[in-house]
Amino acid sequence: MRPEESGSETPGMETVHLLRAVTVALDRHSARFANRNGMHPTDLRALIALMDASRAGEEMTAGRLGAALGLNSAGTTALVDRLERAGHVRRVRAATDRRKVLVEVDERAVALGWDHFGPLIGRVLELVRGYDERERAAIRGFLEGVLAAAAEDDT
């Protein structure tokens, strides 16, 4: 029997419900950004994947981007073309291998994102500052575990 069918919550279900509510609220926040800027939600996910790769010092090809988003080659090409036409990304040749074409986020897209997401990020950072290092480590561990659990469905 599932917890919601028994009439009593099992330990941890409150956390699951809160995490789901956070996911929905963040998704709505992202959808508002996408709508206001004439983007599809996949466009925003692509920009996030590109920024995450850049922050990690990793190169991102169209093929790697498509794999990260679960898109086929044609869908990835259409996505990158659309983002490039909008001025959100650019294609550049890799410095180490001129045959390789990388996709990079344009600074204007980053600025556009900060205009929308910056206030939310600021509020989250302020909230995090209220926790000591041990608590922050516990939060980080929890979120990494949730991310790993969700990623298991990707295989």
N, C-alpha and C. Protein backbone atom coordinates (compact mmCIF):
# COMPACT_ATOMS: atom_id res chain seq x y z
N MET A 1 0.84 -1.18 0.00
CA MET A 1 0.00 0.00 0.00
C MET A 1 0.89 1.25 0.00
N ARG A 2 0.54 2.23 -0.83
CA ARG A 2 1.31 3.47 -0.89
C ARG A 2 0.96 4.34 0.31
N PRO A 3 1.89 5.21 0.75
CA PRO A 3 1.66 6.03 1.94
C PRO A 3 0.38 6.85 1.88
N GLU A 4 0.08 7.45 0.72
CA GLU A 4 -1.10 8.30 0.64
C GLU A 4 -2.40 7.50 0.72
N GLU A 5 -2.34 6.18 0.46
CA GLU A 5 -3.53 5.34 0.54
C GLU A 5 -3.81 4.89 1.97
N SER A 6 -2.80 4.88 2.81
CA SER A 6 -2.98 4.40 4.18
C SER A 6 -3.51 5.48 5.10
N GLY A 7 -3.52 6.72 4.62
CA GLY A 7 -4.01 7.81 5.46
C GLY A 7 -2.95 8.38 6.38
N SER A 8 -1.77 7.76 6.41
CA SER A 8 -0.69 8.30 7.23
C SER A 8 0.55 8.47 6.38
N GLU A 9 1.25 9.52 6.65
CA GLU A 9 2.48 9.81 5.93
C GLU A 9 3.63 9.02 6.54
N THR A 10 4.44 8.42 5.70
CA THR A 10 5.65 7.76 6.19
C THR A 10 6.70 8.83 6.44
N PRO A 11 7.69 8.54 7.28
CA PRO A 11 8.75 9.52 7.50
C PRO A 11 9.42 9.90 6.18
N GLY A 12 9.60 11.17 5.98
CA GLY A 12 10.24 11.65 4.77
C GLY A 12 9.28 12.10 3.68
N MET A 13 8.01 11.68 3.77
CA MET A 13 7.07 12.07 2.72
C MET A 13 6.83 13.58 2.69
N GLU A 14 6.90 14.23 3.83
CA GLU A 14 6.77 15.69 3.84
C GLU A 14 7.89 16.32 3.00
N THR A 15 9.08 15.77 3.14
CA THR A 15 10.22 16.26 2.35
C THR A 15 9.98 16.01 0.86
N VAL A 16 9.47 14.85 0.51
CA VAL A 16 9.17 14.53 -0.88
C VAL A 16 8.15 15.53 -1.43
N HIS A 17 7.11 15.81 -0.66
CA HIS A 17 6.08 16.76 -1.11
C HIS A 17 6.65 18.17 -1.26
N LEU A 18 7.50 18.58 -0.33
CA LEU A 18 8.13 19.90 -0.44
C LEU A 18 9.05 19.98 -1.64
N LEU A 19 9.81 18.92 -1.89
CA LEU A 19 10.70 18.90 -3.04
C LEU A 19 9.90 18.98 -4.33
N ARG A 20 8.80 18.28 -4.38
CA ARG A 20 7.92 18.35 -5.56
C ARG A 20 7.39 19.76 -5.74
N ALA A 21 6.97 20.40 -4.65
CA ALA A 21 6.45 21.77 -4.73
C ALA A 21 7.53 22.75 -5.21
N VAL A 22 8.76 22.57 -4.72
CA VAL A 22 9.88 23.41 -5.17
C VAL A 22 10.11 23.20 -6.67
N THR A 23 10.09 21.95 -7.11
CA THR A 23 10.29 21.65 -8.53
C THR A 23 9.23 22.34 -9.38
N VAL A 24 7.99 22.27 -8.96
CA VAL A 24 6.89 22.90 -9.72
C VAL A 24 7.05 24.42 -9.73
N ALA A 25 7.40 25.00 -8.58
CA ALA A 25 7.57 26.46 -8.51
C ALA A 25 8.74 26.92 -9.39
N LEU A 26 9.84 26.20 -9.36
CA LEU A 26 10.99 26.56 -10.20
C LEU A 26 10.66 26.38 -11.68
N ASP A 27 9.89 25.35 -12.00
CA ASP A 27 9.47 25.13 -13.38
C ASP A 27 8.59 26.28 -13.86
N ARG A 28 7.68 26.75 -13.02
CA ARG A 28 6.84 27.90 -13.38
C ARG A 28 7.68 29.14 -13.59
N HIS A 29 8.67 29.36 -12.72
CA HIS A 29 9.57 30.51 -12.83
C HIS A 29 10.33 30.45 -14.16
N SER A 30 10.81 29.27 -14.51
CA SER A 30 11.53 29.08 -15.77
C SER A 30 10.60 29.26 -16.96
N ALA A 31 9.38 28.78 -16.86
CA ALA A 31 8.42 28.92 -17.96
C ALA A 31 8.09 30.39 -18.22
N ARG A 32 8.00 31.19 -17.14
CA ARG A 32 7.76 32.63 -17.32
C ARG A 32 8.91 33.26 -18.10
N PHE A 33 10.14 32.90 -17.75
CA PHE A 33 11.30 33.41 -18.47
C PHE A 33 11.24 33.01 -19.94
N ALA A 34 10.98 31.74 -20.20
CA ALA A 34 10.93 31.26 -21.58
C ALA A 34 9.83 31.98 -22.36
N ASN A 35 8.65 32.10 -21.77
CA ASN A 35 7.54 32.77 -22.46
C ASN A 35 7.86 34.23 -22.75
N ARG A 36 8.41 34.94 -21.77
CA ARG A 36 8.72 36.36 -21.95
C ARG A 36 9.78 36.60 -23.01
N ASN A 37 10.59 35.58 -23.26
CA ASN A 37 11.70 35.74 -24.20
C ASN A 37 11.52 34.92 -25.47
N GLY A 38 10.29 34.46 -25.72
CA GLY A 38 9.99 33.74 -26.96
C GLY A 38 10.75 32.45 -27.11
N MET A 39 10.97 31.77 -26.00
CA MET A 39 11.72 30.51 -26.03
C MET A 39 10.81 29.33 -25.71
N HIS A 40 11.23 28.19 -26.20
CA HIS A 40 10.63 26.92 -25.82
C HIS A 40 11.32 26.48 -24.53
N PRO A 41 10.66 25.74 -23.65
CA PRO A 41 11.34 25.25 -22.44
C PRO A 41 12.64 24.49 -22.73
N THR A 42 12.70 23.79 -23.86
CA THR A 42 13.93 23.08 -24.22
C THR A 42 15.05 24.07 -24.50
N ASP A 43 14.72 25.24 -25.04
CA ASP A 43 15.74 26.27 -25.27
C ASP A 43 16.40 26.65 -23.96
N LEU A 44 15.59 26.84 -22.94
CA LEU A 44 16.12 27.21 -21.63
C LEU A 44 16.96 26.08 -21.05
N ARG A 45 16.49 24.85 -21.16
CA ARG A 45 17.28 23.71 -20.67
C ARG A 45 18.62 23.63 -21.39
N ALA A 46 18.63 23.94 -22.69
CA ALA A 46 19.87 23.93 -23.45
C ALA A 46 20.82 25.01 -22.94
N LEU A 47 20.31 26.20 -22.70
CA LEU A 47 21.17 27.28 -22.19
C LEU A 47 21.74 26.91 -20.84
N ILE A 48 20.94 26.30 -19.99
CA ILE A 48 21.43 25.87 -18.68
C ILE A 48 22.52 24.82 -18.83
N ALA A 49 22.31 23.84 -19.72
CA ALA A 49 23.32 22.80 -19.94
C ALA A 49 24.62 23.42 -20.46
N LEU A 50 24.51 24.40 -21.34
CA LEU A 50 25.69 25.06 -21.88
C LEU A 50 26.42 25.85 -20.80
N MET A 51 25.67 26.56 -19.96
CA MET A 51 26.30 27.32 -18.88
C MET A 51 26.94 26.40 -17.85
N ASP A 52 26.29 25.29 -17.54
CA ASP A 52 26.86 24.32 -16.59
C ASP A 52 28.17 23.74 -17.14
N ALA A 53 28.19 23.42 -18.43
CA ALA A 53 29.40 22.89 -19.04
C ALA A 53 30.52 23.93 -19.00
N SER A 54 30.19 25.16 -19.31
CA SER A 54 31.19 26.23 -19.28
C SER A 54 31.75 26.41 -17.88
N ARG A 55 30.86 26.40 -16.88
CA ARG A 55 31.30 26.56 -15.49
C ARG A 55 32.22 25.42 -15.06
N ALA A 56 31.99 24.24 -15.62
CA ALA A 56 32.81 23.07 -15.30
C ALA A 56 34.06 23.00 -16.16
N GLY A 57 34.23 23.96 -17.08
CA GLY A 57 35.39 23.95 -17.95
C GLY A 57 35.34 22.90 -19.03
N GLU A 58 34.13 22.48 -19.40
CA GLU A 58 33.95 21.43 -20.40
C GLU A 58 33.47 22.02 -21.72
N GLU A 59 33.96 21.49 -22.81
CA GLU A 59 33.50 21.90 -24.12
C GLU A 59 32.18 21.22 -24.43
N MET A 60 31.31 21.91 -25.16
CA MET A 60 30.01 21.35 -25.51
C MET A 60 29.82 21.39 -27.02
N THR A 61 29.75 20.22 -27.61
CA THR A 61 29.41 20.12 -29.03
C THR A 61 27.90 19.99 -29.15
N ALA A 62 27.39 20.16 -30.35
CA ALA A 62 25.95 19.98 -30.57
C ALA A 62 25.54 18.55 -30.22
N GLY A 63 26.37 17.58 -30.58
CA GLY A 63 26.04 16.19 -30.27
C GLY A 63 25.94 15.92 -28.79
N ARG A 64 26.88 16.47 -28.05
CA ARG A 64 26.86 16.30 -26.59
C ARG A 64 25.65 17.02 -25.98
N LEU A 65 25.33 18.20 -26.51
CA LEU A 65 24.15 18.93 -26.03
C LEU A 65 22.88 18.13 -26.30
N GLY A 66 22.77 17.60 -27.50
CA GLY A 66 21.60 16.79 -27.84
C GLY A 66 21.45 15.59 -26.92
N ALA A 67 22.56 14.93 -26.63
CA ALA A 67 22.52 13.77 -25.73
C ALA A 67 22.07 14.19 -24.34
N ALA A 68 22.56 15.34 -23.87
CA ALA A 68 22.19 15.82 -22.54
C ALA A 68 20.70 16.14 -22.45
N LEU A 69 20.12 16.55 -23.58
CA LEU A 69 18.72 16.95 -23.59
C LEU A 69 17.79 15.84 -24.10
N GLY A 70 18.37 14.74 -24.55
CA GLY A 70 17.56 13.64 -25.08
C GLY A 70 16.98 13.93 -26.45
N LEU A 71 17.72 14.71 -27.26
CA LEU A 71 17.25 15.07 -28.60
C LEU A 71 18.01 14.29 -29.66
N ASN A 72 17.36 14.05 -30.79
CA ASN A 72 18.06 13.44 -31.91
C ASN A 72 18.84 14.52 -32.66
N SER A 73 19.59 14.12 -33.66
CA SER A 73 20.46 15.04 -34.38
C SER A 73 19.68 16.17 -35.04
N ALA A 74 18.59 15.85 -35.69
CA ALA A 74 17.79 16.89 -36.37
C ALA A 74 17.20 17.87 -35.36
N GLY A 75 16.70 17.36 -34.26
CA GLY A 75 16.14 18.23 -33.23
C GLY A 75 17.20 19.13 -32.61
N THR A 76 18.40 18.58 -32.42
CA THR A 76 19.49 19.37 -31.85
C THR A 76 19.91 20.48 -32.81
N THR A 77 20.01 20.15 -34.10
CA THR A 77 20.38 21.16 -35.09
C THR A 77 19.34 22.28 -35.11
N ALA A 78 18.07 21.92 -35.11
CA ALA A 78 17.01 22.93 -35.11
C ALA A 78 17.10 23.81 -33.85
N LEU A 79 17.37 23.20 -32.71
CA LEU A 79 17.50 23.92 -31.45
C LEU A 79 18.66 24.91 -31.51
N VAL A 80 19.83 24.43 -31.90
CA VAL A 80 21.01 25.30 -31.95
C VAL A 80 20.80 26.41 -32.98
N ASP A 81 20.23 26.08 -34.13
CA ASP A 81 19.94 27.10 -35.14
C ASP A 81 19.02 28.18 -34.57
N ARG A 82 17.98 27.77 -33.87
CA ARG A 82 17.01 28.70 -33.29
C ARG A 82 17.69 29.60 -32.25
N LEU A 83 18.48 29.01 -31.38
CA LEU A 83 19.17 29.79 -30.35
C LEU A 83 20.21 30.72 -30.97
N GLU A 84 20.86 30.27 -32.03
CA GLU A 84 21.85 31.11 -32.69
C GLU A 84 21.17 32.30 -33.38
N ARG A 85 20.06 32.05 -34.07
CA ARG A 85 19.32 33.15 -34.72
C ARG A 85 18.85 34.19 -33.71
N ALA A 86 18.49 33.72 -32.51
CA ALA A 86 18.02 34.63 -31.46
C ALA A 86 19.17 35.36 -30.76
N GLY A 87 20.41 34.97 -31.07
CA GLY A 87 21.57 35.61 -30.47
C GLY A 87 21.93 35.07 -29.09
N HIS A 88 21.39 33.90 -28.75
CA HIS A 88 21.64 33.32 -27.43
C HIS A 88 22.89 32.45 -27.39
N VAL A 89 23.26 31.86 -28.53
CA VAL A 89 24.45 31.01 -28.59
C VAL A 89 25.23 31.33 -29.85
N ARG A 90 26.45 30.83 -29.89
CA ARG A 90 27.27 30.94 -31.09
C ARG A 90 28.01 29.62 -31.28
N ARG A 91 28.28 29.32 -32.54
CA ARG A 91 29.10 28.17 -32.87
C ARG A 91 30.53 28.67 -33.08
N VAL A 92 31.48 27.99 -32.45
CA VAL A 92 32.89 28.37 -32.58
C VAL A 92 33.72 27.11 -32.81
N ARG A 93 34.83 27.28 -33.48
CA ARG A 93 35.76 26.18 -33.70
C ARG A 93 36.58 25.97 -32.42
N ALA A 94 36.80 24.72 -32.07
CA ALA A 94 37.62 24.39 -30.90
C ALA A 94 39.06 24.82 -31.18
N ALA A 95 39.70 25.36 -30.18
CA ALA A 95 41.08 25.82 -30.33
C ALA A 95 42.04 24.66 -30.55
N THR A 96 41.75 23.53 -29.94
CA THR A 96 42.65 22.38 -30.02
C THR A 96 42.42 21.52 -31.25
N ASP A 97 41.22 21.57 -31.81
CA ASP A 97 40.88 20.77 -33.00
C ASP A 97 39.91 21.59 -33.83
N ARG A 98 40.41 22.26 -34.85
CA ARG A 98 39.60 23.17 -35.65
C ARG A 98 38.45 22.47 -36.37
N ARG A 99 38.48 21.14 -36.44
CA ARG A 99 37.37 20.41 -37.07
C ARG A 99 36.16 20.34 -36.15
N LYS A 100 36.39 20.47 -34.85
CA LYS A 100 35.31 20.35 -33.87
C LYS A 100 34.61 21.71 -33.71
N VAL A 101 33.27 21.68 -33.78
CA VAL A 101 32.48 22.89 -33.60
C VAL A 101 31.83 22.83 -32.22
N LEU A 102 32.06 23.88 -31.45
CA LEU A 102 31.51 23.98 -30.10
C LEU A 102 30.33 24.94 -30.10
N VAL A 103 29.45 24.75 -29.14
CA VAL A 103 28.32 25.67 -28.94
C VAL A 103 28.57 26.38 -27.62
N GLU A 104 28.51 27.70 -27.66
CA GLU A 104 28.74 28.51 -26.46
C GLU A 104 27.59 29.48 -26.26
N VAL A 105 27.30 29.79 -25.01
CA VAL A 105 26.27 30.77 -24.68
C VAL A 105 26.84 32.16 -24.89
N ASP A 106 26.06 33.03 -25.52
CA ASP A 106 26.44 34.42 -25.71
C ASP A 106 26.25 35.18 -24.40
N GLU A 107 27.10 36.15 -24.16
CA GLU A 107 27.03 36.95 -22.92
C GLU A 107 25.68 37.64 -22.77
N ARG A 108 25.06 38.00 -23.90
CA ARG A 108 23.73 38.66 -23.82
C ARG A 108 22.69 37.72 -23.24
N ALA A 109 22.79 36.43 -23.55
CA ALA A 109 21.85 35.46 -22.99
C ALA A 109 22.08 35.30 -21.50
N VAL A 110 23.35 35.32 -21.09
CA VAL A 110 23.66 35.24 -19.66
C VAL A 110 23.08 36.45 -18.93
N ALA A 111 23.26 37.64 -19.51
CA ALA A 111 22.72 38.86 -18.89
C ALA A 111 21.20 38.81 -18.81
N LEU A 112 20.56 38.31 -19.86
CA LEU A 112 19.11 38.17 -19.87
C LEU A 112 18.65 37.24 -18.75
N GLY A 113 19.39 36.14 -18.58
CA GLY A 113 19.07 35.18 -17.51
C GLY A 113 19.25 35.80 -16.14
N TRP A 114 20.32 36.57 -15.95
CA TRP A 114 20.55 37.20 -14.65
C TRP A 114 19.45 38.22 -14.33
N ASP A 115 18.96 38.91 -15.35
CA ASP A 115 17.88 39.87 -15.12
C ASP A 115 16.65 39.17 -14.53
N HIS A 116 16.37 37.97 -15.00
CA HIS A 116 15.18 37.25 -14.53
C HIS A 116 15.46 36.40 -13.29
N PHE A 117 16.53 35.62 -13.34
CA PHE A 117 16.81 34.66 -12.27
C PHE A 117 17.65 35.23 -11.13
N GLY A 118 18.32 36.35 -11.37
CA GLY A 118 19.20 36.95 -10.37
C GLY A 118 18.53 37.20 -9.02
N PRO A 119 17.34 37.82 -9.02
CA PRO A 119 16.68 38.05 -7.72
C PRO A 119 16.39 36.75 -6.96
N LEU A 120 15.95 35.72 -7.67
CA LEU A 120 15.69 34.43 -7.03
C LEU A 120 16.99 33.83 -6.50
N ILE A 121 18.05 33.88 -7.30
CA ILE A 121 19.35 33.36 -6.87
C ILE A 121 19.81 34.11 -5.62
N GLY A 122 19.64 35.42 -5.61
CA GLY A 122 20.01 36.22 -4.43
C GLY A 122 19.26 35.79 -3.19
N ARG A 123 17.96 35.53 -3.33
CA ARG A 123 17.17 35.09 -2.16
C ARG A 123 17.62 33.72 -1.68
N VAL A 124 17.96 32.84 -2.61
CA VAL A 124 18.45 31.50 -2.22
C VAL A 124 19.79 31.62 -1.51
N LEU A 125 20.69 32.45 -2.04
CA LEU A 125 21.99 32.63 -1.39
C LEU A 125 21.84 33.19 0.02
N GLU A 126 20.93 34.13 0.18
CA GLU A 126 20.67 34.70 1.51
C GLU A 126 20.16 33.61 2.47
N LEU A 127 19.28 32.78 1.98
CA LEU A 127 18.76 31.67 2.79
C LEU A 127 19.89 30.72 3.19
N VAL A 128 20.75 30.38 2.24
CA VAL A 128 21.85 29.45 2.50
C VAL A 128 22.82 30.02 3.53
N ARG A 129 23.02 31.33 3.51
CA ARG A 129 23.93 31.96 4.48
C ARG A 129 23.46 31.77 5.93
N GLY A 130 22.20 31.45 6.10
CA GLY A 130 21.66 31.23 7.44
C GLY A 130 22.01 29.87 8.03
N TYR A 131 22.67 29.03 7.26
CA TYR A 131 23.04 27.69 7.72
C TYR A 131 24.54 27.63 7.95
N ASP A 132 24.96 26.83 8.92
CA ASP A 132 26.39 26.66 9.12
C ASP A 132 26.93 25.63 8.11
N GLU A 133 28.24 25.46 8.09
CA GLU A 133 28.86 24.61 7.08
C GLU A 133 28.38 23.17 7.17
N ARG A 134 28.18 22.65 8.36
CA ARG A 134 27.69 21.28 8.52
C ARG A 134 26.30 21.14 7.93
N GLU A 135 25.44 22.12 8.17
CA GLU A 135 24.08 22.08 7.61
C GLU A 135 24.11 22.22 6.09
N ARG A 136 24.98 23.11 5.59
CA ARG A 136 25.10 23.26 4.13
C ARG A 136 25.59 21.96 3.50
N ALA A 137 26.51 21.28 4.16
CA ALA A 137 27.01 20.00 3.65
C ALA A 137 25.87 18.97 3.61
N ALA A 138 25.02 18.97 4.63
CA ALA A 138 23.89 18.05 4.66
C ALA A 138 22.90 18.37 3.53
N ILE A 139 22.63 19.64 3.32
CA ILE A 139 21.73 20.04 2.23
C ILE A 139 22.31 19.63 0.89
N ARG A 140 23.61 19.91 0.70
CA ARG A 140 24.29 19.54 -0.55
C ARG A 140 24.22 18.03 -0.77
N GLY A 141 24.50 17.27 0.27
CA GLY A 141 24.45 15.81 0.16
C GLY A 141 23.06 15.31 -0.19
N PHE A 142 22.05 15.90 0.43
CA PHE A 142 20.67 15.52 0.13
C PHE A 142 20.34 15.82 -1.34
N LEU A 143 20.65 17.03 -1.79
CA LEU A 143 20.32 17.41 -3.17
C LEU A 143 21.10 16.58 -4.18
N GLU A 144 22.36 16.27 -3.89
CA GLU A 144 23.14 15.40 -4.77
C GLU A 144 22.52 14.01 -4.82
N GLY A 145 22.03 13.52 -3.69
CA GLY A 145 21.38 12.21 -3.66
C GLY A 145 20.08 12.20 -4.45
N VAL A 146 19.28 13.27 -4.33
CA VAL A 146 18.04 13.36 -5.10
C VAL A 146 18.36 13.41 -6.59
N LEU A 147 19.37 14.20 -6.94
CA LEU A 147 19.77 14.30 -8.35
C LEU A 147 20.22 12.96 -8.89
N ALA A 148 21.00 12.23 -8.12
CA ALA A 148 21.45 10.89 -8.55
C ALA A 148 20.27 9.94 -8.69
N ALA A 149 19.33 10.01 -7.75
CA ALA A 149 18.15 9.13 -7.83
C ALA A 149 17.32 9.44 -9.07
N ALA A 150 17.17 10.73 -9.38
CA ALA A 150 16.39 11.12 -10.57
C ALA A 150 17.13 10.71 -11.85
N ALA A 151 18.47 10.79 -11.82
CA ALA A 151 19.26 10.44 -13.00
C ALA A 151 19.20 8.95 -13.31
N GLU A 152 18.89 8.13 -12.31
CA GLU A 152 18.76 6.69 -12.54
C GLU A 152 17.69 6.40 -13.56
N ASP A 153 16.68 7.25 -13.66
CA ASP A 153 15.60 7.07 -14.63
C ASP A 153 16.05 7.39 -16.05
N ASP A 154 17.20 8.07 -16.19
CA ASP A 154 17.71 8.45 -17.51
C ASP A 154 18.41 7.30 -18.22
N THR A 155 18.70 6.25 -17.49
CA THR A 155 19.44 5.14 -18.11
C THR A 155 18.52 4.11 -18.70
